[in-house]
Structure formats: C-alpha cells, structure tokens
Amino acid sequence: MMDALQWPAMVVTIVAAWLVASSSRGRRHAGFWVYFVSNALWIAWGLHTQAYALVALQFALAAMNVRGERKSAKGDGGQGGEGH
C-alpha cells in the first residue's frame, strides 16, 4: 500500500503547481496548502522507502513555500530585490 503512495503524491504535486501558477490569489493560496499535503505524502513515502534525501528535499521545499507565501502576503509578489 505504501509503495503506491508515490502516485497520489505526484498527482497532488501537479495540482498544487497548477494552483500556485494561477493568476487568482485565492487559487494560489489554496495551492500553498495543497503543496503541504504533497510534502506530507512525499515524506511518508520517502520514510517508507528510506529515501532520506527526498524527505530532506520536502522539508526544504515546504520552507521555501512558507517563504513565498509570506512574501506574497506582504504584497511583494516575489519581486523583491534579491537579484532575480
């Protein structure tokens, strides 16, 4: 059962990416939460398969997601002066 978890995790990740790329602020915000579900699914699968690099990646991606959401909430829209 746990081996099959990678497929729903993949689908949820794709849905989250679709939502985050939306021009609608509400959909982008929903995508933020869907990404967290995706992270949790990948972490569960990664622990089961002992894919610890994947688990670490998911924690890093979740942290970046929080950072992006905070910047978005400030109205910055990710266009800060960080040398993009």
PDB file of N, CA and C in Angstrom:
ATOM      1  N   MET A   1       0.822  -1.204   0.000  1.00  0.00           N
ATOM      2  CA  MET A   1       0.000   0.000   0.000  1.00  0.00           C
ATOM      3  C   MET A   1       0.865   1.267   0.000  1.00  0.00           C
ATOM      4  N   MET A   2       1.875   1.314   0.856  1.00  0.00           N
ATOM      5  CA  MET A   2       2.740   2.493   0.924  1.00  0.00           C
ATOM      6  C   MET A   2       3.513   2.699  -0.370  1.00  0.00           C
ATOM      7  N   ASP A   3       3.856   1.625  -1.061  1.00  0.00           N
ATOM      8  CA  ASP A   3       4.588   1.777  -2.323  1.00  0.00           C
ATOM      9  C   ASP A   3       3.775   2.552  -3.343  1.00  0.00           C
ATOM     10  N   ALA A   4       2.462   2.404  -3.314  1.00  0.00           N
ATOM     11  CA  ALA A   4       1.592   3.097  -4.267  1.00  0.00           C
ATOM     12  C   ALA A   4       1.377   4.568  -3.904  1.00  0.00           C
ATOM     13  N   LEU A   5       1.834   4.991  -2.734  1.00  0.00           N
ATOM     14  CA  LEU A   5       1.626   6.365  -2.283  1.00  0.00           C
ATOM     15  C   LEU A   5       2.295   7.393  -3.188  1.00  0.00           C
ATOM     16  N   GLN A   6       3.321   6.970  -3.908  1.00  0.00           N
ATOM     17  CA  GLN A   6       4.022   7.908  -4.775  1.00  0.00           C
ATOM     18  C   GLN A   6       3.112   8.461  -5.881  1.00  0.00           C
ATOM     19  N   TRP A   7       2.128   7.694  -6.319  1.00  0.00           N
ATOM     20  CA  TRP A   7       1.250   8.151  -7.402  1.00  0.00           C
ATOM     21  C   TRP A   7       0.301   9.252  -6.952  1.00  0.00           C
ATOM     22  N   PRO A   8      -0.408   9.082  -5.830  1.00  0.00           N
ATOM     23  CA  PRO A   8      -1.215  10.228  -5.373  1.00  0.00           C
ATOM     24  C   PRO A   8      -0.348  11.437  -5.021  1.00  0.00           C
ATOM     25  N   ALA A   9       0.848  11.183  -4.480  1.00  0.00           N
ATOM     26  CA  ALA A   9       1.749  12.295  -4.159  1.00  0.00           C
ATOM     27  C   ALA A   9       2.103  13.068  -5.421  1.00  0.00           C
ATOM     28  N   MET A  10       2.356  12.362  -6.508  1.00  0.00           N
ATOM     29  CA  MET A  10       2.678  13.015  -7.769  1.00  0.00           C
ATOM     30  C   MET A  10       1.497  13.846  -8.267  1.00  0.00           C
ATOM     31  N   VAL A  11       0.295  13.274  -8.211  1.00  0.00           N
ATOM     32  CA  VAL A  11      -0.897  13.984  -8.688  1.00  0.00           C
ATOM     33  C   VAL A  11      -1.146  15.241  -7.851  1.00  0.00           C
ATOM     34  N   VAL A  12      -1.035  15.114  -6.542  1.00  0.00           N
ATOM     35  CA  VAL A  12      -1.254  16.260  -5.657  1.00  0.00           C
ATOM     36  C   VAL A  12      -0.207  17.341  -5.928  1.00  0.00           C
ATOM     37  N   THR A  13       1.033  16.961  -6.189  1.00  0.00           N
ATOM     38  CA  THR A  13       2.083  17.923  -6.503  1.00  0.00           C
ATOM     39  C   THR A  13       1.758  18.680  -7.786  1.00  0.00           C
ATOM     40  N   ILE A  14       1.275  17.972  -8.793  1.00  0.00           N
ATOM     41  CA  ILE A  14       0.919  18.620 -10.058  1.00  0.00           C
ATOM     42  C   ILE A  14      -0.251  19.582  -9.867  1.00  0.00           C
ATOM     43  N   VAL A  15      -1.254  19.164  -9.104  1.00  0.00           N
ATOM     44  CA  VAL A  15      -2.397  20.040  -8.828  1.00  0.00           C
ATOM     45  C   VAL A  15      -1.926  21.288  -8.078  1.00  0.00           C
ATOM     46  N   ALA A  16      -1.049  21.107  -7.104  1.00  0.00           N
ATOM     47  CA  ALA A  16      -0.533  22.245  -6.343  1.00  0.00           C
ATOM     48  C   ALA A  16       0.211  23.213  -7.250  1.00  0.00           C
ATOM     49  N   ALA A  17       1.048  22.696  -8.135  1.00  0.00           N
ATOM     50  CA  ALA A  17       1.791  23.556  -9.060  1.00  0.00           C
ATOM     51  C   ALA A  17       0.834  24.326  -9.970  1.00  0.00           C
ATOM     52  N   TRP A  18      -0.210  23.663 -10.421  1.00  0.00           N
ATOM     53  CA  TRP A  18      -1.221  24.311 -11.273  1.00  0.00           C
ATOM     54  C   TRP A  18      -1.883  25.463 -10.512  1.00  0.00           C
ATOM     55  N   LEU A  19      -2.247  25.208  -9.269  1.00  0.00           N
ATOM     56  CA  LEU A  19      -2.915  26.238  -8.468  1.00  0.00           C
ATOM     57  C   LEU A  19      -1.984  27.413  -8.171  1.00  0.00           C
ATOM     58  N   VAL A  20      -0.753  27.130  -7.813  1.00  0.00           N
ATOM     59  CA  VAL A  20       0.200  28.187  -7.467  1.00  0.00           C
ATOM     60  C   VAL A  20       0.501  29.076  -8.673  1.00  0.00           C
ATOM     61  N   ALA A  21       0.424  28.524  -9.865  1.00  0.00           N
ATOM     62  CA  ALA A  21       0.688  29.300 -11.076  1.00  0.00           C
ATOM     63  C   ALA A  21      -0.519  30.119 -11.532  1.00  0.00           C
ATOM     64  N   SER A  22      -1.621  30.039 -10.813  1.00  0.00           N
ATOM     65  CA  SER A  22      -2.842  30.745 -11.190  1.00  0.00           C
ATOM     66  C   SER A  22      -2.690  32.249 -10.997  1.00  0.00           C
ATOM     67  N   SER A  23      -3.454  33.007 -11.770  1.00  0.00           N
ATOM     68  CA  SER A  23      -3.476  34.459 -11.580  1.00  0.00           C
ATOM     69  C   SER A  23      -4.418  34.851 -10.435  1.00  0.00           C
ATOM     70  N   SER A  24      -5.219  33.908  -9.968  1.00  0.00           N
ATOM     71  CA  SER A  24      -6.144  34.158  -8.862  1.00  0.00           C
ATOM     72  C   SER A  24      -5.424  33.987  -7.522  1.00  0.00           C
ATOM     73  N   ARG A  25      -5.482  35.021  -6.715  1.00  0.00           N
ATOM     74  CA  ARG A  25      -4.833  34.952  -5.393  1.00  0.00           C
ATOM     75  C   ARG A  25      -5.402  33.806  -4.557  1.00  0.00           C
ATOM     76  N   GLY A  26      -6.719  33.590  -4.628  1.00  0.00           N
ATOM     77  CA  GLY A  26      -7.342  32.512  -3.865  1.00  0.00           C
ATOM     78  C   GLY A  26      -6.831  31.142  -4.274  1.00  0.00           C
ATOM     79  N   ARG A  27      -6.672  30.936  -5.574  1.00  0.00           N
ATOM     80  CA  ARG A  27      -6.137  29.655  -6.049  1.00  0.00           C
ATOM     81  C   ARG A  27      -4.679  29.485  -5.650  1.00  0.00           C
ATOM     82  N   ARG A  28      -3.923  30.567  -5.721  1.00  0.00           N
ATOM     83  CA  ARG A  28      -2.509  30.472  -5.298  1.00  0.00           C
ATOM     84  C   ARG A  28      -2.430  30.107  -3.825  1.00  0.00           C
ATOM     85  N   HIS A  29      -3.286  30.704  -3.014  1.00  0.00           N
ATOM     86  CA  HIS A  29      -3.298  30.397  -1.582  1.00  0.00           C
ATOM     87  C   HIS A  29      -3.710  28.933  -1.356  1.00  0.00           C
ATOM     88  N   ALA A  30      -4.689  28.461  -2.090  1.00  0.00           N
ATOM     89  CA  ALA A  30      -5.085  27.046  -1.990  1.00  0.00           C
ATOM     90  C   ALA A  30      -3.916  26.152  -2.388  1.00  0.00           C
ATOM     91  N   GLY A  31      -3.192  26.547  -3.419  1.00  0.00           N
ATOM     92  CA  GLY A  31      -2.023  25.788  -3.861  1.00  0.00           C
ATOM     93  C   GLY A  31      -0.970  25.670  -2.772  1.00  0.00           C
ATOM     94  N   PHE A  32      -0.827  26.731  -1.980  1.00  0.00           N
ATOM     95  CA  PHE A  32       0.096  26.709  -0.845  1.00  0.00           C
ATOM     96  C   PHE A  32      -0.241  25.546   0.083  1.00  0.00           C
ATOM     97  N   TRP A  33      -1.528  25.378   0.409  1.00  0.00           N
ATOM     98  CA  TRP A  33      -1.940  24.299   1.307  1.00  0.00           C
ATOM     99  C   TRP A  33      -1.878  22.942   0.623  1.00  0.00           C
ATOM    100  N   VAL A  34      -2.197  22.895  -0.648  1.00  0.00           N
ATOM    101  CA  VAL A  34      -2.115  21.620  -1.371  1.00  0.00           C
ATOM    102  C   VAL A  34      -0.660  21.159  -1.442  1.00  0.00           C
ATOM    103  N   TYR A  35       0.266  22.114  -1.585  1.00  0.00           N
ATOM    104  CA  TYR A  35       1.692  21.744  -1.565  1.00  0.00           C
ATOM    105  C   TYR A  35       2.069  21.093  -0.233  1.00  0.00           C
ATOM    106  N   PHE A  36       1.503  21.579   0.858  1.00  0.00           N
ATOM    107  CA  PHE A  36       1.802  20.950   2.146  1.00  0.00           C
ATOM    108  C   PHE A  36       1.309  19.509   2.197  1.00  0.00           C
ATOM    109  N   VAL A  37       0.148  19.249   1.631  1.00  0.00           N
ATOM    110  CA  VAL A  37      -0.348  17.870   1.545  1.00  0.00           C
ATOM    111  C   VAL A  37       0.626  17.040   0.709  1.00  0.00           C
ATOM    112  N   SER A  38       1.069  17.620  -0.402  1.00  0.00           N
ATOM    113  CA  SER A  38       2.046  16.949  -1.261  1.00  0.00           C
ATOM    114  C   SER A  38       3.323  16.630  -0.487  1.00  0.00           C
ATOM    115  N   ASN A  39       3.833  17.621   0.244  1.00  0.00           N
ATOM    116  CA  ASN A  39       5.046  17.405   1.044  1.00  0.00           C
ATOM    117  C   ASN A  39       4.849  16.259   2.027  1.00  0.00           C
ATOM    118  N   ALA A  40       3.699  16.236   2.701  1.00  0.00           N
ATOM    119  CA  ALA A  40       3.424  15.184   3.683  1.00  0.00           C
ATOM    120  C   ALA A  40       3.374  13.809   3.020  1.00  0.00           C
ATOM    121  N   LEU A  41       2.738  13.736   1.851  1.00  0.00           N
ATOM    122  CA  LEU A  41       2.673  12.450   1.138  1.00  0.00           C
ATOM    123  C   LEU A  41       4.065  11.979   0.730  1.00  0.00           C
ATOM    124  N   TRP A  42       4.872  12.905   0.196  1.00  0.00           N
ATOM    125  CA  TRP A  42       6.230  12.520  -0.210  1.00  0.00           C
ATOM    126  C   TRP A  42       7.090  12.137   0.991  1.00  0.00           C
ATOM    127  N   ILE A  43       6.902  12.823   2.099  1.00  0.00           N
ATOM    128  CA  ILE A  43       7.663  12.474   3.308  1.00  0.00           C
ATOM    129  C   ILE A  43       7.278  11.081   3.773  1.00  0.00           C
ATOM    130  N   ALA A  44       5.993  10.776   3.800  1.00  0.00           N
ATOM    131  CA  ALA A  44       5.548   9.435   4.209  1.00  0.00           C
ATOM    132  C   ALA A  44       6.137   8.371   3.295  1.00  0.00           C
ATOM    133  N   TRP A  45       6.085   8.619   1.993  1.00  0.00           N
ATOM    134  CA  TRP A  45       6.621   7.636   1.046  1.00  0.00           C
ATOM    135  C   TRP A  45       8.145   7.539   1.180  1.00  0.00           C
ATOM    136  N   GLY A  46       8.795   8.676   1.336  1.00  0.00           N
ATOM    137  CA  GLY A  46      10.254   8.690   1.470  1.00  0.00           C
ATOM    138  C   GLY A  46      10.734   7.961   2.716  1.00  0.00           C
ATOM    139  N   LEU A  47      10.031   8.122   3.813  1.00  0.00           N
ATOM    140  CA  LEU A  47      10.403   7.395   5.032  1.00  0.00           C
ATOM    141  C   LEU A  47      10.198   5.895   4.846  1.00  0.00           C
ATOM    142  N   HIS A  48       9.098   5.536   4.208  1.00  0.00           N
ATOM    143  CA  HIS A  48       8.805   4.119   3.959  1.00  0.00           C
ATOM    144  C   HIS A  48       9.886   3.462   3.093  1.00  0.00           C
ATOM    145  N   THR A  49      10.349   4.185   2.091  1.00  0.00           N
ATOM    146  CA  THR A  49      11.338   3.623   1.159  1.00  0.00           C
ATOM    147  C   THR A  49      12.777   3.960   1.551  1.00  0.00           C
ATOM    148  N   GLN A  50      12.936   4.640   2.671  1.00  0.00           N
ATOM    149  CA  GLN A  50      14.237   5.083   3.165  1.00  0.00           C
ATOM    150  C   GLN A  50      14.939   6.020   2.174  1.00  0.00           C
ATOM    151  N   ALA A  51      14.146   6.837   1.508  1.00  0.00           N
ATOM    152  CA  ALA A  51      14.669   7.841   0.575  1.00  0.00           C
ATOM    153  C   ALA A  51      14.827   9.149   1.358  1.00  0.00           C
ATOM    154  N   TYR A  52      15.860   9.193   2.173  1.00  0.00           N
ATOM    155  CA  TYR A  52      16.020  10.298   3.105  1.00  0.00           C
ATOM    156  C   TYR A  52      16.374  11.613   2.418  1.00  0.00           C
ATOM    157  N   ALA A  53      17.013  11.572   1.276  1.00  0.00           N
ATOM    158  CA  ALA A  53      17.272  12.798   0.526  1.00  0.00           C
ATOM    159  C   ALA A  53      15.950  13.410   0.063  1.00  0.00           C
ATOM    160  N   LEU A  54      15.010  12.591  -0.342  1.00  0.00           N
ATOM    161  CA  LEU A  54      13.691  13.074  -0.744  1.00  0.00           C
ATOM    162  C   LEU A  54      12.962  13.695   0.448  1.00  0.00           C
ATOM    163  N   VAL A  55      13.081  13.075   1.601  1.00  0.00           N
ATOM    164  CA  VAL A  55      12.455  13.614   2.814  1.00  0.00           C
ATOM    165  C   VAL A  55      13.047  14.990   3.123  1.00  0.00           C
ATOM    166  N   ALA A  56      14.367  15.098   3.080  1.00  0.00           N
ATOM    167  CA  ALA A  56      15.025  16.385   3.340  1.00  0.00           C
ATOM    168  C   ALA A  56      14.597  17.427   2.306  1.00  0.00           C
ATOM    169  N   LEU A  57      14.504  17.018   1.048  1.00  0.00           N
ATOM    170  CA  LEU A  57      14.054  17.921  -0.009  1.00  0.00           C
ATOM    171  C   LEU A  57      12.661  18.451   0.281  1.00  0.00           C
ATOM    172  N   GLN A  58      11.766  17.599   0.741  1.00  0.00           N
ATOM    173  CA  GLN A  58      10.393  18.023   1.016  1.00  0.00           C
ATOM    174  C   GLN A  58      10.341  19.048   2.146  1.00  0.00           C
ATOM    175  N   PHE A  59      11.178  18.886   3.159  1.00  0.00           N
ATOM    176  CA  PHE A  59      11.233  19.885   4.226  1.00  0.00           C
ATOM    177  C   PHE A  59      11.766  21.210   3.687  1.00  0.00           C
ATOM    178  N   ALA A  60      12.779  21.149   2.831  1.00  0.00           N
ATOM    179  CA  ALA A  60      13.318  22.369   2.234  1.00  0.00           C
ATOM    180  C   ALA A  60      12.288  23.049   1.335  1.00  0.00           C
ATOM    181  N   LEU A  61      11.583  22.270   0.532  1.00  0.00           N
ATOM    182  CA  LEU A  61      10.552  22.842  -0.338  1.00  0.00           C
ATOM    183  C   LEU A  61       9.406  23.445   0.471  1.00  0.00           C
ATOM    184  N   ALA A  62       9.041  22.796   1.563  1.00  0.00           N
ATOM    185  CA  ALA A  62       7.986  23.346   2.423  1.00  0.00           C
ATOM    186  C   ALA A  62       8.430  24.681   3.009  1.00  0.00           C
ATOM    187  N   ALA A  63       9.691  24.778   3.427  1.00  0.00           N
ATOM    188  CA  ALA A  63      10.212  26.036   3.966  1.00  0.00           C
ATOM    189  C   ALA A  63      10.197  27.132   2.902  1.00  0.00           C
ATOM    190  N   MET A  64      10.566  26.796   1.678  1.00  0.00           N
ATOM    191  CA  MET A  64      10.523  27.786   0.596  1.00  0.00           C
ATOM    192  C   MET A  64       9.086  28.196   0.279  1.00  0.00           C
ATOM    193  N   ASN A  65       8.178  27.253   0.403  1.00  0.00           N
ATOM    194  CA  ASN A  65       6.766  27.542   0.180  1.00  0.00           C
ATOM    195  C   ASN A  65       6.259  28.545   1.224  1.00  0.00           C
ATOM    196  N   VAL A  66       6.649  28.352   2.465  1.00  0.00           N
ATOM    197  CA  VAL A  66       6.270  29.287   3.530  1.00  0.00           C
ATOM    198  C   VAL A  66       6.862  30.664   3.234  1.00  0.00           C
ATOM    199  N   ARG A  67       8.110  30.694   2.817  1.00  0.00           N
ATOM    200  CA  ARG A  67       8.765  31.965   2.474  1.00  0.00           C
ATOM    201  C   ARG A  67       8.013  32.673   1.352  1.00  0.00           C
ATOM    202  N   GLY A  68       7.661  31.937   0.316  1.00  0.00           N
ATOM    203  CA  GLY A  68       6.936  32.525  -0.802  1.00  0.00           C
ATOM    204  C   GLY A  68       5.570  33.040  -0.394  1.00  0.00           C
ATOM    205  N   GLU A  69       4.884  32.299   0.452  1.00  0.00           N
ATOM    206  CA  GLU A  69       3.561  32.727   0.919  1.00  0.00           C
ATOM    207  C   GLU A  69       3.672  33.995   1.749  1.00  0.00           C
ATOM    208  N   ARG A  70       4.692  34.094   2.577  1.00  0.00           N
ATOM    209  CA  ARG A  70       4.885  35.302   3.391  1.00  0.00           C
ATOM    210  C   ARG A  70       5.168  36.516   2.509  1.00  0.00           C
ATOM    211  N   LYS A  71       6.014  36.329   1.504  1.00  0.00           N
ATOM    212  CA  LYS A  71       6.309  37.427   0.589  1.00  0.00           C
ATOM    213  C   LYS A  71       5.058  37.842  -0.170  1.00  0.00           C
ATOM    214  N   SER A  72       4.266  36.880  -0.566  1.00  0.00           N
ATOM    215  CA  SER A  72       3.035  37.168  -1.287  1.00  0.00           C
ATOM    216  C   SER A  72       2.049  37.920  -0.397  1.00  0.00           C
ATOM    217  N   ALA A  73       1.973  37.529   0.860  1.00  0.00           N
ATOM    218  CA  ALA A  73       1.056  38.172   1.796  1.00  0.00           C
ATOM    219  C   ALA A  73       1.446  39.628   2.055  1.00  0.00           C
ATOM    220  N   LYS A  74       2.734  39.937   1.935  1.00  0.00           N
ATOM    221  CA  LYS A  74       3.204  41.313   2.128  1.00  0.00           C
ATOM    222  C   LYS A  74       2.916  42.183   0.904  1.00  0.00           C
ATOM    223  N   GLY A  75       2.431  41.557  -0.162  1.00  0.00           N
ATOM    224  CA  GLY A  75       2.155  42.318  -1.374  1.00  0.00           C
ATOM    225  C   GLY A  75       3.362  42.477  -2.260  1.00  0.00           C
ATOM    226  N   ASP A  76       4.444  41.809  -1.889  1.00  0.00           N
ATOM    227  CA  ASP A  76       5.681  41.888  -2.657  1.00  0.00           C
ATOM    228  C   ASP A  76       5.549  41.150  -3.971  1.00  0.00           C
ATOM    229  N   GLY A  77       4.761  40.059  -3.937  1.00  0.00           N
ATOM    230  CA  GLY A  77       4.563  39.271  -5.147  1.00  0.00           C
ATOM    231  C   GLY A  77       5.799  38.570  -5.630  1.00  0.00           C
ATOM    232  N   GLY A  78       6.800  38.438  -4.748  1.00  0.00           N
ATOM    233  CA  GLY A  78       8.012  37.741  -5.148  1.00  0.00           C
ATOM    234  C   GLY A  78       8.936  38.576  -6.004  1.00  0.00           C
ATOM    235  N   GLN A  79       8.703  39.893  -6.093  1.00  0.00           N
ATOM    236  CA  GLN A  79       9.515  40.747  -6.948  1.00  0.00           C
ATOM    237  C   GLN A  79      10.526  41.557  -6.132  1.00  0.00           C
ATOM    238  N   GLY A  80      10.912  41.026  -4.994  1.00  0.00           N
ATOM    239  CA  GLY A  80      11.854  41.727  -4.138  1.00  0.00           C
ATOM    240  C   GLY A  80      13.216  41.885  -4.780  1.00  0.00           C
ATOM    241  N   GLY A  81      14.029  42.702  -4.175  1.00  0.00           N
ATOM    242  CA  GLY A  81      15.343  42.998  -4.729  1.00  0.00           C
ATOM    243  C   GLY A  81      16.379  41.953  -4.365  1.00  0.00           C
ATOM    244  N   GLU A  82      16.169  40.713  -4.745  1.00  0.00           N
ATOM    245  CA  GLU A  82      17.110  39.651  -4.411  1.00  0.00           C
ATOM    246  C   GLU A  82      17.919  39.213  -5.613  1.00  0.00           C
ATOM    247  N   GLY A  83      17.991  40.018  -6.642  1.00  0.00           N
ATOM    248  CA  GLY A  83      18.802  39.699  -7.804  1.00  0.00           C
ATOM    249  C   GLY A  83      18.228  38.585  -8.650  1.00  0.00           C
ATOM    250  N   HIS A  84      16.928  38.647  -8.929  1.00  0.00           N
ATOM    251  CA  HIS A  84      16.288  37.603  -9.740  1.00  0.00           C
ATOM    252  C   HIS A  84      16.866  37.593 -11.110  1.00  0.00           C
TER     253      HIS A  84
END
